[in-house]
Amino acid sequence: MNVENNEDLDQIAKALFVINRHAKTALNPRELYNLKKQAIIELLKNNNAQKIGLHYSDRPKLSRQHSTLLVKVGNYYFHILPNKQDFKEVKHLGNIDKNFRNPKTKMSLSQAKRIICSYLNIDLPEKKRTCSSYYTPSSLGRWNQSYFKQKRRK
């Protein structure tokens, strides 16, 4: 999927917003954040997104302050980790503006993943179905074959 018009870019921006929102609450957000990062890097490479500036992070790692790169995609803003070149090229904006919010968006996570994977020309990541360590298969709703075999013998 190439970004041919503003509607395509808007769809990609909405999909990135949905992926980012779900990543913040996911139990294992690495896959979602990687998808977001790949898409934003590709958008920057194709000049469909622009670097706005650097912000101090709200959540410093190991009590050490670090910065994040603010990127604009369509009408949406996202933070990604900057590289060393960004510190030389992009202006530092200070603390994050808490009053600013991205537009509200309604889109399912699966649709958002499809849009981003289509843009990146990659296959959708397969869901790995794993059972929790507390999972015990239920016998409810199953026929107990040995019970019926005994009934027939009598």
N, C-alpha and C. Protein backbone atom coordinates (compact mmCIF):
# COMPACT_ATOMS: atom_id res chain seq x y z
N MET A 1 0.85 -1.19 0.00
CA MET A 1 0.00 0.00 0.00
C MET A 1 0.88 1.23 0.00
N ASN A 2 0.76 2.02 -1.01
CA ASN A 2 1.48 3.28 -1.07
C ASN A 2 0.55 4.40 -0.63
N VAL A 3 1.13 5.43 -0.07
CA VAL A 3 0.34 6.58 0.34
C VAL A 3 0.16 7.45 -0.89
N GLU A 4 -1.02 7.31 -1.52
CA GLU A 4 -1.26 8.05 -2.76
C GLU A 4 -2.02 9.35 -2.52
N ASN A 5 -2.78 9.40 -1.44
CA ASN A 5 -3.53 10.62 -1.16
C ASN A 5 -3.66 10.81 0.35
N ASN A 6 -4.30 11.90 0.73
CA ASN A 6 -4.45 12.21 2.15
C ASN A 6 -5.34 11.22 2.88
N GLU A 7 -6.30 10.60 2.16
CA GLU A 7 -7.17 9.61 2.81
C GLU A 7 -6.36 8.39 3.23
N ASP A 8 -5.44 7.94 2.38
CA ASP A 8 -4.58 6.81 2.73
C ASP A 8 -3.72 7.15 3.94
N LEU A 9 -3.14 8.34 3.93
CA LEU A 9 -2.30 8.77 5.04
C LEU A 9 -3.11 8.88 6.32
N ASP A 10 -4.35 9.36 6.20
CA ASP A 10 -5.22 9.48 7.37
C ASP A 10 -5.56 8.10 7.93
N GLN A 11 -5.81 7.13 7.06
CA GLN A 11 -6.09 5.76 7.51
C GLN A 11 -4.88 5.16 8.23
N ILE A 12 -3.69 5.40 7.69
CA ILE A 12 -2.47 4.89 8.31
C ILE A 12 -2.27 5.56 9.67
N ALA A 13 -2.52 6.87 9.75
CA ALA A 13 -2.37 7.59 11.01
C ALA A 13 -3.37 7.06 12.05
N LYS A 14 -4.60 6.82 11.64
CA LYS A 14 -5.60 6.26 12.56
C LYS A 14 -5.17 4.87 13.03
N ALA A 15 -4.68 4.06 12.10
CA ALA A 15 -4.24 2.71 12.46
C ALA A 15 -3.08 2.77 13.44
N LEU A 16 -2.14 3.69 13.23
CA LEU A 16 -1.02 3.85 14.17
C LEU A 16 -1.53 4.28 15.54
N PHE A 17 -2.51 5.16 15.58
CA PHE A 17 -3.07 5.62 16.85
C PHE A 17 -3.69 4.44 17.61
N VAL A 18 -4.45 3.60 16.90
CA VAL A 18 -5.11 2.45 17.53
C VAL A 18 -4.06 1.46 18.04
N ILE A 19 -3.05 1.20 17.24
CA ILE A 19 -1.98 0.28 17.65
C ILE A 19 -1.25 0.83 18.88
N ASN A 20 -0.96 2.12 18.88
CA ASN A 20 -0.27 2.75 20.00
C ASN A 20 -1.13 2.69 21.27
N ARG A 21 -2.43 2.95 21.13
CA ARG A 21 -3.33 2.92 22.29
C ARG A 21 -3.42 1.52 22.88
N HIS A 22 -3.49 0.50 22.03
CA HIS A 22 -3.55 -0.87 22.52
C HIS A 22 -2.22 -1.31 23.12
N ALA A 23 -1.13 -0.83 22.57
CA ALA A 23 0.20 -1.21 23.08
C ALA A 23 0.40 -0.72 24.51
N LYS A 24 -0.19 0.41 24.83
CA LYS A 24 -0.02 0.97 26.18
C LYS A 24 -0.65 0.11 27.27
N THR A 25 -1.64 -0.70 26.90
CA THR A 25 -2.31 -1.53 27.90
C THR A 25 -2.10 -3.03 27.67
N ALA A 26 -1.36 -3.39 26.65
CA ALA A 26 -1.16 -4.81 26.33
C ALA A 26 -0.22 -5.48 27.33
N LEU A 27 -0.44 -6.78 27.53
CA LEU A 27 0.43 -7.54 28.42
C LEU A 27 1.82 -7.71 27.80
N ASN A 28 1.86 -7.88 26.49
CA ASN A 28 3.13 -8.00 25.78
C ASN A 28 3.12 -7.02 24.62
N PRO A 29 3.49 -5.75 24.86
CA PRO A 29 3.33 -4.71 23.85
C PRO A 29 4.45 -4.65 22.79
N ARG A 30 5.47 -5.47 22.93
CA ARG A 30 6.63 -5.35 22.04
C ARG A 30 6.25 -5.44 20.56
N GLU A 31 5.41 -6.39 20.21
CA GLU A 31 5.01 -6.57 18.81
C GLU A 31 4.32 -5.32 18.27
N LEU A 32 3.42 -4.75 19.07
CA LEU A 32 2.68 -3.56 18.63
C LEU A 32 3.60 -2.35 18.50
N TYR A 33 4.49 -2.17 19.47
CA TYR A 33 5.42 -1.03 19.37
C TYR A 33 6.38 -1.20 18.20
N ASN A 34 6.80 -2.42 17.89
CA ASN A 34 7.67 -2.64 16.74
C ASN A 34 6.94 -2.31 15.44
N LEU A 35 5.67 -2.68 15.36
CA LEU A 35 4.87 -2.37 14.18
C LEU A 35 4.74 -0.86 14.01
N LYS A 36 4.48 -0.17 15.10
CA LYS A 36 4.36 1.29 15.08
C LYS A 36 5.67 1.93 14.63
N LYS A 37 6.78 1.46 15.20
CA LYS A 37 8.09 2.03 14.88
C LYS A 37 8.44 1.82 13.41
N GLN A 38 8.22 0.61 12.91
CA GLN A 38 8.53 0.32 11.50
C GLN A 38 7.72 1.22 10.57
N ALA A 39 6.43 1.38 10.88
CA ALA A 39 5.56 2.20 10.03
C ALA A 39 6.00 3.67 10.05
N ILE A 40 6.32 4.19 11.23
CA ILE A 40 6.72 5.60 11.31
C ILE A 40 8.06 5.82 10.61
N ILE A 41 8.99 4.90 10.75
CA ILE A 41 10.28 5.03 10.06
C ILE A 41 10.07 5.02 8.54
N GLU A 42 9.18 4.15 8.06
CA GLU A 42 8.88 4.09 6.63
C GLU A 42 8.20 5.37 6.16
N LEU A 43 7.28 5.89 6.97
CA LEU A 43 6.61 7.15 6.62
C LEU A 43 7.60 8.31 6.57
N LEU A 44 8.53 8.35 7.52
CA LEU A 44 9.56 9.40 7.52
C LEU A 44 10.46 9.28 6.29
N LYS A 45 10.80 8.05 5.94
CA LYS A 45 11.66 7.80 4.78
C LYS A 45 11.00 8.29 3.49
N ASN A 46 9.67 8.12 3.40
CA ASN A 46 8.93 8.51 2.20
C ASN A 46 8.38 9.94 2.28
N ASN A 47 8.81 10.69 3.27
CA ASN A 47 8.38 12.08 3.48
C ASN A 47 6.86 12.21 3.66
N ASN A 48 6.23 11.21 4.27
CA ASN A 48 4.81 11.28 4.59
C ASN A 48 4.57 11.61 6.05
N ALA A 49 5.64 11.76 6.80
CA ALA A 49 5.57 12.16 8.21
C ALA A 49 6.69 13.15 8.44
N GLN A 50 6.55 13.94 9.48
CA GLN A 50 7.61 14.92 9.75
C GLN A 50 7.99 14.91 11.23
N LYS A 51 9.27 15.12 11.47
CA LYS A 51 9.78 15.21 12.83
C LYS A 51 9.49 16.61 13.34
N ILE A 52 8.85 16.69 14.50
CA ILE A 52 8.47 17.98 15.06
C ILE A 52 9.51 18.47 16.06
N GLY A 53 9.92 17.60 16.98
CA GLY A 53 10.89 18.00 18.00
C GLY A 53 11.08 16.90 19.01
N LEU A 54 11.90 17.18 20.00
CA LEU A 54 12.18 16.23 21.07
C LEU A 54 11.44 16.66 22.34
N HIS A 55 10.95 15.69 23.07
CA HIS A 55 10.29 15.93 24.35
C HIS A 55 11.00 15.13 25.43
N TYR A 56 10.99 15.66 26.65
CA TYR A 56 11.43 14.84 27.78
C TYR A 56 10.38 13.78 28.03
N SER A 57 10.80 12.60 28.34
CA SER A 57 9.89 11.49 28.59
C SER A 57 9.19 11.66 29.93
N ASP A 58 7.91 11.20 29.98
CA ASP A 58 7.17 11.22 31.24
C ASP A 58 7.66 10.13 32.19
N ARG A 59 8.19 9.06 31.61
CA ARG A 59 8.62 7.92 32.42
C ARG A 59 10.11 7.67 32.23
N PRO A 60 10.93 8.34 33.01
CA PRO A 60 12.37 8.14 32.86
C PRO A 60 12.78 6.72 33.20
N LYS A 61 13.70 6.17 32.42
CA LYS A 61 14.19 4.81 32.67
C LYS A 61 15.26 4.84 33.74
N LEU A 62 15.13 3.98 34.72
CA LEU A 62 16.12 3.84 35.79
C LEU A 62 16.44 5.20 36.42
N SER A 63 15.41 6.01 36.59
CA SER A 63 15.53 7.35 37.20
C SER A 63 16.44 8.29 36.41
N ARG A 64 16.63 8.00 35.13
CA ARG A 64 17.44 8.89 34.29
C ARG A 64 16.54 9.49 33.22
N GLN A 65 16.58 10.80 33.10
CA GLN A 65 15.75 11.49 32.12
C GLN A 65 16.21 11.14 30.71
N HIS A 66 15.27 10.92 29.80
CA HIS A 66 15.62 10.72 28.41
C HIS A 66 14.57 11.41 27.54
N SER A 67 14.88 11.54 26.27
CA SER A 67 13.99 12.26 25.36
C SER A 67 13.36 11.30 24.36
N THR A 68 12.20 11.72 23.87
CA THR A 68 11.51 10.99 22.81
C THR A 68 11.29 11.94 21.64
N LEU A 69 11.22 11.39 20.46
CA LEU A 69 11.04 12.18 19.24
C LEU A 69 9.56 12.29 18.92
N LEU A 70 9.06 13.51 18.77
CA LEU A 70 7.66 13.75 18.40
C LEU A 70 7.57 13.78 16.88
N VAL A 71 6.68 12.92 16.35
CA VAL A 71 6.51 12.79 14.90
C VAL A 71 5.05 13.05 14.55
N LYS A 72 4.82 13.82 13.48
CA LYS A 72 3.45 14.12 13.03
C LYS A 72 3.15 13.28 11.79
N VAL A 73 2.05 12.52 11.88
CA VAL A 73 1.56 11.74 10.74
C VAL A 73 0.12 12.16 10.52
N GLY A 74 -0.16 12.84 9.44
CA GLY A 74 -1.50 13.37 9.20
C GLY A 74 -1.86 14.35 10.30
N ASN A 75 -2.97 14.10 10.99
CA ASN A 75 -3.41 14.95 12.10
C ASN A 75 -3.05 14.37 13.46
N TYR A 76 -2.21 13.35 13.47
CA TYR A 76 -1.86 12.63 14.70
C TYR A 76 -0.39 12.83 15.04
N TYR A 77 -0.11 12.80 16.34
CA TYR A 77 1.26 12.94 16.83
C TYR A 77 1.64 11.68 17.61
N PHE A 78 2.88 11.23 17.41
CA PHE A 78 3.39 10.03 18.07
C PHE A 78 4.79 10.28 18.59
N HIS A 79 5.16 9.53 19.62
CA HIS A 79 6.52 9.58 20.14
C HIS A 79 7.23 8.27 19.81
N ILE A 80 8.45 8.39 19.35
CA ILE A 80 9.31 7.22 19.15
C ILE A 80 10.67 7.56 19.75
N LEU A 81 11.49 6.54 19.90
CA LEU A 81 12.84 6.79 20.42
C LEU A 81 13.69 7.45 19.35
N PRO A 82 14.43 8.49 19.72
CA PRO A 82 15.26 9.18 18.73
C PRO A 82 16.58 8.46 18.52
N ASN A 83 17.20 8.73 17.37
CA ASN A 83 18.57 8.25 17.17
C ASN A 83 19.52 9.42 17.43
N LYS A 84 20.81 9.18 17.37
CA LYS A 84 21.78 10.24 17.71
C LYS A 84 21.68 11.42 16.75
N GLN A 85 21.37 11.14 15.50
CA GLN A 85 21.27 12.21 14.50
C GLN A 85 20.13 13.17 14.84
N ASP A 86 19.06 12.65 15.41
CA ASP A 86 17.91 13.49 15.75
C ASP A 86 18.27 14.56 16.78
N PHE A 87 19.17 14.24 17.70
CA PHE A 87 19.57 15.23 18.71
C PHE A 87 20.31 16.41 18.07
N LYS A 88 20.96 16.16 16.94
CA LYS A 88 21.68 17.23 16.23
C LYS A 88 20.76 18.03 15.32
N GLU A 89 19.76 17.36 14.74
CA GLU A 89 18.94 17.99 13.72
C GLU A 89 17.64 18.61 14.22
N VAL A 90 17.08 18.06 15.31
CA VAL A 90 15.73 18.45 15.73
C VAL A 90 15.80 19.27 17.02
N LYS A 91 14.95 20.28 17.09
CA LYS A 91 14.90 21.17 18.26
C LYS A 91 14.26 20.47 19.45
N HIS A 92 14.75 20.75 20.65
CA HIS A 92 14.18 20.19 21.87
C HIS A 92 13.06 21.10 22.34
N LEU A 93 11.89 20.50 22.59
CA LEU A 93 10.69 21.27 22.95
C LEU A 93 10.43 21.30 24.45
N GLY A 94 11.23 20.60 25.23
CA GLY A 94 11.04 20.57 26.68
C GLY A 94 10.08 19.47 27.09
N ASN A 95 9.22 19.78 28.08
CA ASN A 95 8.28 18.79 28.61
C ASN A 95 7.10 18.59 27.67
N ILE A 96 6.46 17.43 27.78
CA ILE A 96 5.30 17.11 26.95
C ILE A 96 4.12 17.98 27.38
N ASP A 97 3.38 18.48 26.38
CA ASP A 97 2.18 19.27 26.65
C ASP A 97 1.04 18.32 26.99
N LYS A 98 0.62 18.29 28.24
CA LYS A 98 -0.41 17.36 28.71
C LYS A 98 -1.81 17.72 28.19
N ASN A 99 -2.01 18.96 27.76
CA ASN A 99 -3.33 19.40 27.32
C ASN A 99 -3.66 18.94 25.90
N PHE A 100 -2.64 18.58 25.13
CA PHE A 100 -2.87 18.20 23.73
C PHE A 100 -3.29 16.74 23.62
N ARG A 101 -4.30 16.46 22.82
CA ARG A 101 -4.76 15.09 22.58
C ARG A 101 -4.92 14.86 21.08
N ASN A 102 -4.66 13.63 20.66
CA ASN A 102 -4.93 13.24 19.28
C ASN A 102 -6.44 13.12 19.10
N PRO A 103 -6.93 13.23 17.85
CA PRO A 103 -8.38 13.08 17.61
C PRO A 103 -8.87 11.69 18.01
N LYS A 104 -10.12 11.61 18.44
CA LYS A 104 -10.69 10.31 18.81
C LYS A 104 -10.87 9.48 17.55
N THR A 105 -10.63 8.19 17.70
CA THR A 105 -10.68 7.29 16.55
C THR A 105 -11.37 6.00 16.93
N LYS A 106 -12.21 5.48 16.03
CA LYS A 106 -12.83 4.18 16.24
C LYS A 106 -12.36 3.26 15.12
N MET A 107 -11.59 2.27 15.51
CA MET A 107 -11.09 1.27 14.57
C MET A 107 -10.65 0.07 15.40
N SER A 108 -10.89 -1.12 14.89
CA SER A 108 -10.48 -2.31 15.64
C SER A 108 -8.97 -2.51 15.50
N LEU A 109 -8.40 -3.20 16.47
CA LEU A 109 -6.97 -3.47 16.42
C LEU A 109 -6.63 -4.35 15.23
N SER A 110 -7.46 -5.32 14.93
CA SER A 110 -7.16 -6.20 13.79
C SER A 110 -7.18 -5.44 12.48
N GLN A 111 -8.11 -4.51 12.32
CA GLN A 111 -8.15 -3.68 11.11
C GLN A 111 -6.92 -2.78 11.05
N ALA A 112 -6.52 -2.22 12.19
CA ALA A 112 -5.34 -1.35 12.23
C ALA A 112 -4.09 -2.14 11.83
N LYS A 113 -3.97 -3.36 12.34
CA LYS A 113 -2.82 -4.19 11.98
C LYS A 113 -2.81 -4.50 10.49
N ARG A 114 -4.00 -4.79 9.93
CA ARG A 114 -4.08 -5.07 8.50
C ARG A 114 -3.60 -3.88 7.68
N ILE A 115 -4.03 -2.68 8.06
CA ILE A 115 -3.66 -1.47 7.33
C ILE A 115 -2.14 -1.25 7.38
N ILE A 116 -1.56 -1.36 8.57
CA ILE A 116 -0.12 -1.12 8.72
C ILE A 116 0.69 -2.21 8.04
N CYS A 117 0.29 -3.46 8.18
CA CYS A 117 1.02 -4.55 7.52
C CYS A 117 0.92 -4.43 6.01
N SER A 118 -0.21 -3.98 5.51
CA SER A 118 -0.37 -3.76 4.08
C SER A 118 0.55 -2.63 3.62
N TYR A 119 0.64 -1.56 4.41
CA TYR A 119 1.52 -0.45 4.06
C TYR A 119 2.99 -0.88 4.05
N LEU A 120 3.36 -1.72 5.01
CA LEU A 120 4.75 -2.17 5.12
C LEU A 120 5.07 -3.37 4.23
N ASN A 121 4.05 -3.90 3.55
CA ASN A 121 4.20 -5.10 2.71
C ASN A 121 4.76 -6.27 3.49
N ILE A 122 4.21 -6.49 4.68
CA ILE A 122 4.60 -7.65 5.49
C ILE A 122 3.34 -8.44 5.82
N ASP A 123 3.52 -9.72 6.17
CA ASP A 123 2.40 -10.56 6.55
C ASP A 123 1.95 -10.20 7.95
N LEU A 124 0.66 -10.39 8.20
CA LEU A 124 0.13 -10.18 9.55
C LEU A 124 0.80 -11.15 10.51
N PRO A 125 1.22 -10.68 11.68
CA PRO A 125 1.80 -11.60 12.66
C PRO A 125 0.75 -12.61 13.09
N GLU A 126 1.17 -13.87 13.16
CA GLU A 126 0.23 -14.92 13.56
C GLU A 126 0.01 -14.88 15.06
N LYS A 127 -1.24 -15.15 15.44
CA LYS A 127 -1.54 -15.22 16.86
C LYS A 127 -1.03 -16.54 17.41
N LYS A 128 -0.32 -16.47 18.48
CA LYS A 128 0.15 -17.67 19.14
C LYS A 128 -0.82 -17.97 20.27
N ARG A 129 -1.61 -19.01 20.10
CA ARG A 129 -2.57 -19.39 21.13
C ARG A 129 -1.85 -20.17 22.21
N THR A 130 -1.77 -19.57 23.35
CA THR A 130 -1.16 -20.27 24.48
C THR A 130 -2.16 -20.29 25.61
N CYS A 131 -2.17 -21.38 26.30
CA CYS A 131 -3.04 -21.51 27.46
C CYS A 131 -2.26 -21.07 28.69
N SER A 132 -2.97 -20.49 29.62
CA SER A 132 -2.28 -20.07 30.83
C SER A 132 -1.88 -21.31 31.63
N SER A 133 -0.97 -21.12 32.53
CA SER A 133 -0.51 -22.24 33.34
C SER A 133 -1.62 -22.74 34.26
N TYR A 134 -2.67 -21.93 34.42
CA TYR A 134 -3.79 -22.31 35.27
C TYR A 134 -4.89 -23.00 34.49
N TYR A 135 -4.73 -23.13 33.18
CA TYR A 135 -5.78 -23.69 32.33
C TYR A 135 -5.91 -25.19 32.54
N THR A 136 -7.13 -25.63 32.75
CA THR A 136 -7.42 -27.06 32.86
C THR A 136 -8.55 -27.34 31.88
N PRO A 137 -8.35 -28.25 30.94
CA PRO A 137 -9.42 -28.53 29.99
C PRO A 137 -10.68 -29.02 30.71
N SER A 138 -11.80 -28.52 30.32
CA SER A 138 -13.06 -28.88 30.97
C SER A 138 -13.64 -30.13 30.33
N SER A 139 -14.26 -30.94 31.12
CA SER A 139 -14.94 -32.11 30.58
C SER A 139 -16.43 -31.84 30.45
N LEU A 140 -16.86 -30.63 30.75
CA LEU A 140 -18.27 -30.28 30.61
C LEU A 140 -18.65 -30.31 29.15
N GLY A 141 -19.79 -30.87 28.87
CA GLY A 141 -20.26 -30.90 27.50
C GLY A 141 -19.70 -32.06 26.70
N ARG A 142 -18.85 -32.87 27.29
CA ARG A 142 -18.30 -34.03 26.59
C ARG A 142 -19.01 -35.28 27.09
N TRP A 143 -19.15 -36.23 26.22
CA TRP A 143 -19.76 -37.50 26.60
C TRP A 143 -18.73 -38.37 27.27
N ASN A 144 -19.11 -38.97 28.34
CA ASN A 144 -18.22 -39.89 29.01
C ASN A 144 -18.42 -41.26 28.37
N GLN A 145 -17.53 -41.62 27.46
CA GLN A 145 -17.68 -42.84 26.67
C GLN A 145 -17.71 -44.09 27.55
N SER A 146 -16.87 -44.14 28.56
CA SER A 146 -16.81 -45.35 29.39
C SER A 146 -18.15 -45.57 30.12
N TYR A 147 -18.84 -44.55 30.49
CA TYR A 147 -20.13 -44.67 31.17
C TYR A 147 -21.14 -45.34 30.25
N PHE A 148 -21.19 -44.89 28.98
CA PHE A 148 -22.15 -45.44 28.06
C PHE A 148 -21.81 -46.87 27.65
N LYS A 149 -20.53 -47.20 27.60
CA LYS A 149 -20.13 -48.56 27.26
C LYS A 149 -20.58 -49.52 28.36
N GLN A 150 -20.49 -49.10 29.61
CA GLN A 150 -20.93 -49.95 30.72
C GLN A 150 -22.43 -50.15 30.69
N LYS A 151 -23.19 -49.15 30.33
CA LYS A 151 -24.65 -49.23 30.28
C LYS A 151 -25.09 -50.25 29.24
N ARG A 152 -24.39 -50.30 28.11
CA ARG A 152 -24.77 -51.21 27.03
C ARG A 152 -24.50 -52.66 27.40
N ARG A 153 -23.49 -52.91 28.18
CA ARG A 153 -23.11 -54.27 28.53
C ARG A 153 -24.16 -54.94 29.41
N LYS A 154 -24.85 -54.19 30.19
CA LYS A 154 -25.81 -54.77 31.14
C LYS A 154 -27.08 -55.19 30.52
